[in-house]
Amino acid sequence: MAEPASGDPLRLDDDEADAIAELFNIGMGEPAAALSSMLGEEVLLSVPSFAVSTRARITREVGGDLEGDQPVCAVRGAFTGPFTGEAMLIFPERGTLALVGRLVPVDPAAEAPGEMEQDALTEIGNIILNGCLASLSNLIGGELSGAVPGYGAGVPASVIGSATDPVLFVRIDMALAAGDARGHALFLLDIASLDAFREAIRRALAGL
C-alpha cells in the first residue's frame, strides 16, 4: 500500500494505490487467460505491486528473484499515449525453456533458448504485454500504443538497466501452475508522465 502523498509529488495516495492494483489486475486478466488456454495450463498472477523506484534498484530486486546475475530472457517494448514507458516480460533461461516447451519441442540438453524458443517467448510476450496495454487503453479511455516487443537476453542489469532516474514501477509476478516457470511482467512508467497517469486513473475509476 502506498503511503499518503504528504505533499510529495512522486508519492501515490492509498486511493491511487488501490486503483493501480485494480487496473493492472483487470488489464492482465484477459491476456493471462488467453495464454493459459494456449499453454493448456493455468497461469498464476500475483497482486500487482508498485513503487517509485529506479532501474538500478529494480535490477537488484528483480534480479535477486531471477537467480541473481544469471542470464535472463526478456520480451520488451516501449509504449506511448496518455503516459509513456516500457513494458517487459522477463524469465530466467531455465524458466523460459520450461515455458516455451509447452508450445514447441525443446531439446532436453539445451541450456539457453535457441531461435525457435526465442520466437515462442516473443509471441507470449506479445500476448501478455500488448493484451494488457489494450485492456488498459479501454479502461482509461485513451489509447496506449505499444511498439512491437522484441527479444533480448543478458544479465538483469543489461536488460532492465542501471539508470538512477526515478520511474513508477509496476510489477506482476507470473508462474505456471506446475511451478517450473516463474517470471515477471514489468511496467516502467516515466515520471514525467505521472500527472497524466493520475488523470488516467481518475478516469478509469469513474468508469468502473
C-alpha atoms as a PDB file:
ATOM      1  CA  MET A   1       0.000   0.000   0.000  1.00  0.00           C
ATOM      2  CA  ALA A   2       1.307   3.431  -0.862  1.00  0.00           C
ATOM      3  CA  GLU A   3       1.942   5.977   1.837  1.00  0.00           C
ATOM      4  CA  PRO A   4      -0.124   9.185   1.889  1.00  0.00           C
ATOM      5  CA  ALA A   5       1.084  11.766  -0.564  1.00  0.00           C
ATOM      6  CA  SER A   6       2.224  14.223   2.168  1.00  0.00           C
ATOM      7  CA  GLY A   7       2.948  16.876  -0.438  1.00  0.00           C
ATOM      8  CA  ASP A   8       5.496  14.739  -2.281  1.00  0.00           C
ATOM      9  CA  PRO A   9       4.591  14.826  -5.996  1.00  0.00           C
ATOM     10  CA  LEU A  10       6.211  11.419  -6.517  1.00  0.00           C
ATOM     11  CA  ARG A  11       4.094   9.655  -3.886  1.00  0.00           C
ATOM     12  CA  LEU A  12       0.774   7.980  -4.589  1.00  0.00           C
ATOM     13  CA  ASP A  13      -2.005   8.046  -2.030  1.00  0.00           C
ATOM     14  CA  ASP A  14      -3.978   4.990  -0.892  1.00  0.00           C
ATOM     15  CA  ASP A  15      -6.852   5.528  -3.348  1.00  0.00           C
ATOM     16  CA  GLU A  16      -4.412   5.796  -6.228  1.00  0.00           C
ATOM     17  CA  ALA A  17      -2.595   2.693  -4.971  1.00  0.00           C
ATOM     18  CA  ASP A  18      -5.797   0.663  -4.885  1.00  0.00           C
ATOM     19  CA  ALA A  19      -6.764   1.932  -8.330  1.00  0.00           C
ATOM     20  CA  ILE A  20      -3.415   0.951  -9.868  1.00  0.00           C
ATOM     21  CA  ALA A  21      -3.709  -2.570  -8.450  1.00  0.00           C
ATOM     22  CA  GLU A  22      -7.264  -2.864  -9.755  1.00  0.00           C
ATOM     23  CA  LEU A  23      -6.403  -1.529 -13.219  1.00  0.00           C
ATOM     24  CA  PHE A  24      -3.482  -3.883 -13.716  1.00  0.00           C
ATOM     25  CA  ASN A  25      -5.433  -6.817 -12.285  1.00  0.00           C
ATOM     26  CA  ILE A  26      -8.092  -6.229 -14.902  1.00  0.00           C
ATOM     27  CA  GLY A  27      -5.556  -5.434 -17.606  1.00  0.00           C
ATOM     28  CA  MET A  28      -3.634  -8.682 -17.103  1.00  0.00           C
ATOM     29  CA  GLY A  29      -6.673 -10.902 -16.621  1.00  0.00           C
ATOM     30  CA  GLU A  30      -7.701 -11.444 -20.236  1.00  0.00           C
ATOM     31  CA  PRO A  31      -4.200 -11.933 -21.726  1.00  0.00           C
ATOM     32  CA  ALA A  32      -3.278 -14.316 -18.895  1.00  0.00           C
ATOM     33  CA  ALA A  33      -6.448 -16.311 -19.587  1.00  0.00           C
ATOM     34  CA  ALA A  34      -5.578 -16.398 -23.301  1.00  0.00           C
ATOM     35  CA  LEU A  35      -2.080 -17.629 -22.509  1.00  0.00           C
ATOM     36  CA  SER A  36      -3.461 -20.261 -20.133  1.00  0.00           C
ATOM     37  CA  SER A  37      -5.689 -21.548 -22.934  1.00  0.00           C
ATOM     38  CA  MET A  38      -2.757 -21.631 -25.365  1.00  0.00           C
ATOM     39  CA  LEU A  39      -0.485 -23.473 -22.926  1.00  0.00           C
ATOM     40  CA  GLY A  40      -3.166 -25.779 -21.577  1.00  0.00           C
ATOM     41  CA  GLU A  41      -2.125 -24.829 -18.050  1.00  0.00           C
ATOM     42  CA  GLU A  42      -3.144 -22.176 -15.572  1.00  0.00           C
ATOM     43  CA  VAL A  43      -1.007 -19.025 -15.483  1.00  0.00           C
ATOM     44  CA  LEU A  44      -0.881 -17.662 -11.942  1.00  0.00           C
ATOM     45  CA  LEU A  45      -0.573 -13.915 -11.328  1.00  0.00           C
ATOM     46  CA  SER A  46       0.375 -12.050  -8.168  1.00  0.00           C
ATOM     47  CA  VAL A  47      -1.372  -8.922  -6.948  1.00  0.00           C
ATOM     48  CA  PRO A  48       0.306  -6.011  -8.766  1.00  0.00           C
ATOM     49  CA  SER A  49       2.859  -4.146  -6.668  1.00  0.00           C
ATOM     50  CA  PHE A  50       4.340  -0.765  -7.439  1.00  0.00           C
ATOM     51  CA  ALA A  51       6.721   1.885  -6.209  1.00  0.00           C
ATOM     52  CA  VAL A  52       8.568   4.952  -7.346  1.00  0.00           C
ATOM     53  CA  SER A  53      12.000   3.437  -7.868  1.00  0.00           C
ATOM     54  CA  THR A  54      14.981   3.406 -10.259  1.00  0.00           C
ATOM     55  CA  ARG A  55      16.091   0.906 -12.865  1.00  0.00           C
ATOM     56  CA  ALA A  56      19.204   0.211 -10.799  1.00  0.00           C
ATOM     57  CA  ARG A  57      17.129  -0.703  -7.733  1.00  0.00           C
ATOM     58  CA  ILE A  58      14.622  -2.686  -9.800  1.00  0.00           C
ATOM     59  CA  THR A  59      17.518  -4.659 -11.287  1.00  0.00           C
ATOM     60  CA  ARG A  60      18.703  -5.584  -7.794  1.00  0.00           C
ATOM     61  CA  GLU A  61      15.230  -6.535  -6.553  1.00  0.00           C
ATOM     62  CA  VAL A  62      14.017  -8.438  -9.604  1.00  0.00           C
ATOM     63  CA  GLY A  63      17.455  -9.872 -10.370  1.00  0.00           C
ATOM     64  CA  GLY A  64      17.535 -11.403  -6.909  1.00  0.00           C
ATOM     65  CA  ASP A  65      14.306 -13.231  -7.697  1.00  0.00           C
ATOM     66  CA  LEU A  66      15.590 -14.316 -11.102  1.00  0.00           C
ATOM     67  CA  GLU A  67      18.666 -16.247  -9.991  1.00  0.00           C
ATOM     68  CA  GLY A  68      20.864 -13.233  -9.337  1.00  0.00           C
ATOM     69  CA  ASP A  69      23.331 -12.440 -12.116  1.00  0.00           C
ATOM     70  CA  GLN A  70      22.370 -15.450 -14.212  1.00  0.00           C
ATOM     71  CA  PRO A  71      21.208 -14.593 -17.756  1.00  0.00           C
ATOM     72  CA  VAL A  72      17.540 -13.825 -18.234  1.00  0.00           C
ATOM     73  CA  CYS A  73      15.348 -13.741 -21.325  1.00  0.00           C
ATOM     74  CA  ALA A  74      13.100 -10.777 -21.946  1.00  0.00           C
ATOM     75  CA  VAL A  75      10.483  -9.503 -24.342  1.00  0.00           C
ATOM     76  CA  ARG A  76      10.267  -5.742 -24.127  1.00  0.00           C
ATOM     77  CA  GLY A  77       8.812  -2.753 -25.899  1.00  0.00           C
ATOM     78  CA  ALA A  78       8.114   0.938 -25.357  1.00  0.00           C
ATOM     79  CA  PHE A  79       4.596   2.339 -25.217  1.00  0.00           C
ATOM     80  CA  THR A  80       3.187   5.825 -25.686  1.00  0.00           C
ATOM     81  CA  GLY A  81      -0.145   7.519 -25.080  1.00  0.00           C
ATOM     82  CA  PRO A  82      -1.555   9.486 -22.144  1.00  0.00           C
ATOM     83  CA  PHE A  83       1.541   8.234 -20.316  1.00  0.00           C
ATOM     84  CA  THR A  84       4.702   6.624 -21.635  1.00  0.00           C
ATOM     85  CA  GLY A  85       7.136   3.957 -20.559  1.00  0.00           C
ATOM     86  CA  GLU A  86       8.380   0.457 -21.235  1.00  0.00           C
ATOM     87  CA  ALA A  87       6.769  -2.957 -20.702  1.00  0.00           C
ATOM     88  CA  MET A  88       8.744  -6.160 -20.368  1.00  0.00           C
ATOM     89  CA  LEU A  89       8.245  -9.837 -19.675  1.00  0.00           C
ATOM     90  CA  ILE A  90      11.265 -11.499 -18.016  1.00  0.00           C
ATOM     91  CA  PHE A  91      12.034 -15.139 -17.245  1.00  0.00           C
ATOM     92  CA  PRO A  92      15.296 -16.863 -16.299  1.00  0.00           C
ATOM     93  CA  GLU A  93      16.712 -19.076 -19.048  1.00  0.00           C
ATOM     94  CA  ARG A  94      15.593 -22.332 -17.448  1.00  0.00           C
ATOM     95  CA  GLY A  95      12.126 -20.943 -16.833  1.00  0.00           C
ATOM     96  CA  THR A  96      11.961 -19.745 -20.431  1.00  0.00           C
ATOM     97  CA  LEU A  97      12.763 -23.238 -21.717  1.00  0.00           C
ATOM     98  CA  ALA A  98      10.095 -24.730 -19.441  1.00  0.00           C
ATOM     99  CA  LEU A  99       7.532 -22.129 -20.505  1.00  0.00           C
ATOM    100  CA  VAL A 100       8.016 -22.354 -24.267  1.00  0.00           C
ATOM    101  CA  GLY A 101       8.369 -26.134 -24.004  1.00  0.00           C
ATOM    102  CA  ARG A 102       4.576 -26.183 -23.700  1.00  0.00           C
ATOM    103  CA  LEU A 103       4.412 -24.801 -27.242  1.00  0.00           C
ATOM    104  CA  VAL A 104       7.446 -26.037 -29.167  1.00  0.00           C
ATOM    105  CA  PRO A 105       9.790 -29.033 -28.892  1.00  0.00           C
ATOM    106  CA  VAL A 106      12.754 -28.174 -26.658  1.00  0.00           C
ATOM    107  CA  ASP A 107      15.989 -30.124 -26.576  1.00  0.00           C
ATOM    108  CA  PRO A 108      16.288 -31.518 -23.008  1.00  0.00           C
ATOM    109  CA  ALA A 109      20.029 -30.789 -23.137  1.00  0.00           C
ATOM    110  CA  ALA A 110      19.544 -27.127 -24.111  1.00  0.00           C
ATOM    111  CA  GLU A 111      20.921 -24.625 -21.631  1.00  0.00           C
ATOM    112  CA  ALA A 112      19.684 -21.473 -23.366  1.00  0.00           C
ATOM    113  CA  PRO A 113      16.848 -20.714 -25.784  1.00  0.00           C
ATOM    114  CA  GLY A 114      17.582 -21.078 -29.487  1.00  0.00           C
ATOM    115  CA  GLU A 115      15.888 -19.156 -32.270  1.00  0.00           C
ATOM    116  CA  MET A 116      12.674 -21.202 -32.148  1.00  0.00           C
ATOM    117  CA  GLU A 117      12.370 -20.810 -28.377  1.00  0.00           C
ATOM    118  CA  GLN A 118      13.102 -17.088 -28.631  1.00  0.00           C
ATOM    119  CA  ASP A 119      10.330 -16.690 -31.189  1.00  0.00           C
ATOM    120  CA  ALA A 120       7.921 -18.573 -28.922  1.00  0.00           C
ATOM    121  CA  LEU A 121       8.737 -16.345 -25.939  1.00  0.00           C
ATOM    122  CA  THR A 122       8.325 -13.261 -28.138  1.00  0.00           C
ATOM    123  CA  GLU A 123       4.854 -14.464 -29.088  1.00  0.00           C
ATOM    124  CA  ILE A 124       3.993 -15.000 -25.424  1.00  0.00           C
ATOM    125  CA  GLY A 125       5.302 -11.512 -24.653  1.00  0.00           C
ATOM    126  CA  ASN A 126       3.114 -10.048 -27.383  1.00  0.00           C
ATOM    127  CA  ILE A 127       0.051 -11.728 -25.906  1.00  0.00           C
ATOM    128  CA  ILE A 128       0.737 -10.580 -22.344  1.00  0.00           C
ATOM    129  CA  LEU A 129       2.152  -7.082 -22.846  1.00  0.00           C
ATOM    130  CA  ASN A 130       0.093  -5.831 -25.772  1.00  0.00           C
ATOM    131  CA  GLY A 131      -3.010  -7.508 -24.350  1.00  0.00           C
ATOM    132  CA  CYS A 132      -2.536  -5.676 -21.068  1.00  0.00           C
ATOM    133  CA  LEU A 133      -1.903  -2.336 -22.795  1.00  0.00           C
ATOM    134  CA  ALA A 134      -5.019  -2.781 -24.942  1.00  0.00           C
ATOM    135  CA  SER A 135      -7.100  -3.515 -21.862  1.00  0.00           C
ATOM    136  CA  LEU A 136      -5.669  -0.508 -20.025  1.00  0.00           C
ATOM    137  CA  SER A 137      -6.468   1.669 -23.063  1.00  0.00           C
ATOM    138  CA  ASN A 138     -10.115   0.694 -22.782  1.00  0.00           C
ATOM    139  CA  LEU A 139     -10.176   1.316 -19.043  1.00  0.00           C
ATOM    140  CA  ILE A 140      -8.610   4.772 -19.145  1.00  0.00           C
ATOM    141  CA  GLY A 141     -10.402   5.941 -22.284  1.00  0.00           C
ATOM    142  CA  GLY A 142      -7.159   6.825 -24.056  1.00  0.00           C
ATOM    143  CA  GLU A 143      -5.074   4.830 -26.484  1.00  0.00           C
ATOM    144  CA  LEU A 144      -1.792   3.301 -25.337  1.00  0.00           C
ATOM    145  CA  SER A 145       0.238   2.331 -28.395  1.00  0.00           C
ATOM    146  CA  GLY A 146       2.904  -0.300 -27.858  1.00  0.00           C
ATOM    147  CA  ALA A 147       5.838  -0.887 -30.162  1.00  0.00           C
ATOM    148  CA  VAL A 148       6.225  -4.458 -31.386  1.00  0.00           C
ATOM    149  CA  PRO A 149       8.029  -6.132 -28.464  1.00  0.00           C
ATOM    150  CA  GLY A 150      11.465  -7.528 -29.208  1.00  0.00           C
ATOM    151  CA  TYR A 151      13.510 -10.317 -27.661  1.00  0.00           C
ATOM    152  CA  GLY A 152      16.648  -9.689 -25.651  1.00  0.00           C
ATOM    153  CA  ALA A 153      18.812 -11.631 -23.216  1.00  0.00           C
ATOM    154  CA  GLY A 154      21.592 -10.980 -20.743  1.00  0.00           C
ATOM    155  CA  VAL A 155      22.155 -10.358 -17.052  1.00  0.00           C
ATOM    156  CA  PRO A 156      19.322  -8.381 -15.382  1.00  0.00           C
ATOM    157  CA  ALA A 157      21.318  -5.132 -15.384  1.00  0.00           C
ATOM    158  CA  SER A 158      21.715  -5.239 -19.160  1.00  0.00           C
ATOM    159  CA  VAL A 159      18.020  -5.996 -19.698  1.00  0.00           C
ATOM    160  CA  ILE A 160      16.342  -3.756 -17.108  1.00  0.00           C
ATOM    161  CA  GLY A 161      19.047  -1.090 -16.950  1.00  0.00           C
ATOM    162  CA  SER A 162      21.073   0.682 -14.309  1.00  0.00           C
ATOM    163  CA  ALA A 163      19.859   4.276 -14.557  1.00  0.00           C
ATOM    164  CA  THR A 164      19.149   6.122 -11.335  1.00  0.00           C
ATOM    165  CA  ASP A 165      16.375   8.411 -12.616  1.00  0.00           C
ATOM    166  CA  PRO A 166      13.041   7.766 -10.846  1.00  0.00           C
ATOM    167  CA  VAL A 167      10.381   5.688 -12.587  1.00  0.00           C
ATOM    168  CA  LEU A 168       6.986   4.412 -11.497  1.00  0.00           C
ATOM    169  CA  PHE A 169       7.439   0.655 -11.396  1.00  0.00           C
ATOM    170  CA  VAL A 170       4.545  -1.805 -11.601  1.00  0.00           C
ATOM    171  CA  ARG A 171       5.411  -5.484 -11.104  1.00  0.00           C
ATOM    172  CA  ILE A 172       3.273  -8.578 -11.562  1.00  0.00           C
ATOM    173  CA  ASP A 173       4.790 -11.970 -10.767  1.00  0.00           C
ATOM    174  CA  MET A 174       3.824 -14.802 -13.125  1.00  0.00           C
ATOM    175  CA  ALA A 175       4.121 -18.560 -12.766  1.00  0.00           C
ATOM    176  CA  LEU A 176       2.834 -21.701 -14.387  1.00  0.00           C
ATOM    177  CA  ALA A 177       0.765 -23.892 -12.089  1.00  0.00           C
ATOM    178  CA  ALA A 178       3.388 -26.663 -12.327  1.00  0.00           C
ATOM    179  CA  GLY A 179       5.911 -24.302 -10.743  1.00  0.00           C
ATOM    180  CA  ASP A 180       8.733 -24.814 -13.248  1.00  0.00           C
ATOM    181  CA  ALA A 181       8.456 -21.394 -14.904  1.00  0.00           C
ATOM    182  CA  ARG A 182       8.407 -18.185 -12.865  1.00  0.00           C
ATOM    183  CA  GLY A 183       8.952 -14.683 -14.137  1.00  0.00           C
ATOM    184  CA  HIS A 184       7.692 -11.119 -14.058  1.00  0.00           C
ATOM    185  CA  ALA A 185       5.683  -8.682 -16.120  1.00  0.00           C
ATOM    186  CA  LEU A 186       7.157  -5.228 -15.506  1.00  0.00           C
ATOM    187  CA  PHE A 187       5.826  -1.806 -16.472  1.00  0.00           C
ATOM    188  CA  LEU A 188       8.187   1.152 -16.030  1.00  0.00           C
ATOM    189  CA  LEU A 189       6.385   4.474 -16.401  1.00  0.00           C
ATOM    190  CA  ASP A 190       8.213   7.735 -16.983  1.00  0.00           C
ATOM    191  CA  ILE A 191       7.912  10.055 -14.003  1.00  0.00           C
ATOM    192  CA  ALA A 192       7.332  12.917 -16.435  1.00  0.00           C
ATOM    193  CA  SER A 193       4.031  11.154 -17.223  1.00  0.00           C
ATOM    194  CA  LEU A 194       2.958  10.807 -13.574  1.00  0.00           C
ATOM    195  CA  ASP A 195       0.350  13.588 -13.658  1.00  0.00           C
ATOM    196  CA  ALA A 196      -1.131  12.137 -16.852  1.00  0.00           C
ATOM    197  CA  PHE A 197      -1.129   8.713 -15.213  1.00  0.00           C
ATOM    198  CA  ARG A 198      -3.008  10.090 -12.190  1.00  0.00           C
ATOM    199  CA  GLU A 199      -5.584  11.661 -14.500  1.00  0.00           C
ATOM    200  CA  ALA A 200      -5.963   8.357 -16.370  1.00  0.00           C
ATOM    201  CA  ILE A 201      -6.531   6.584 -13.047  1.00  0.00           C
ATOM    202  CA  ARG A 202      -9.293   9.052 -12.155  1.00  0.00           C
ATOM    203  CA  ARG A 203     -10.997   8.480 -15.499  1.00  0.00           C
ATOM    204  CA  ALA A 204     -10.785   4.733 -15.098  1.00  0.00           C
ATOM    205  CA  LEU A 205     -12.198   4.849 -11.559  1.00  0.00           C
ATOM    206  CA  ALA A 206     -15.112   6.915 -12.792  1.00  0.00           C
ATOM    207  CA  GLY A 207     -15.897   4.228 -15.355  1.00  0.00           C
ATOM    208  CA  LEU A 208     -15.627   1.182 -13.059  1.00  0.00           C
END
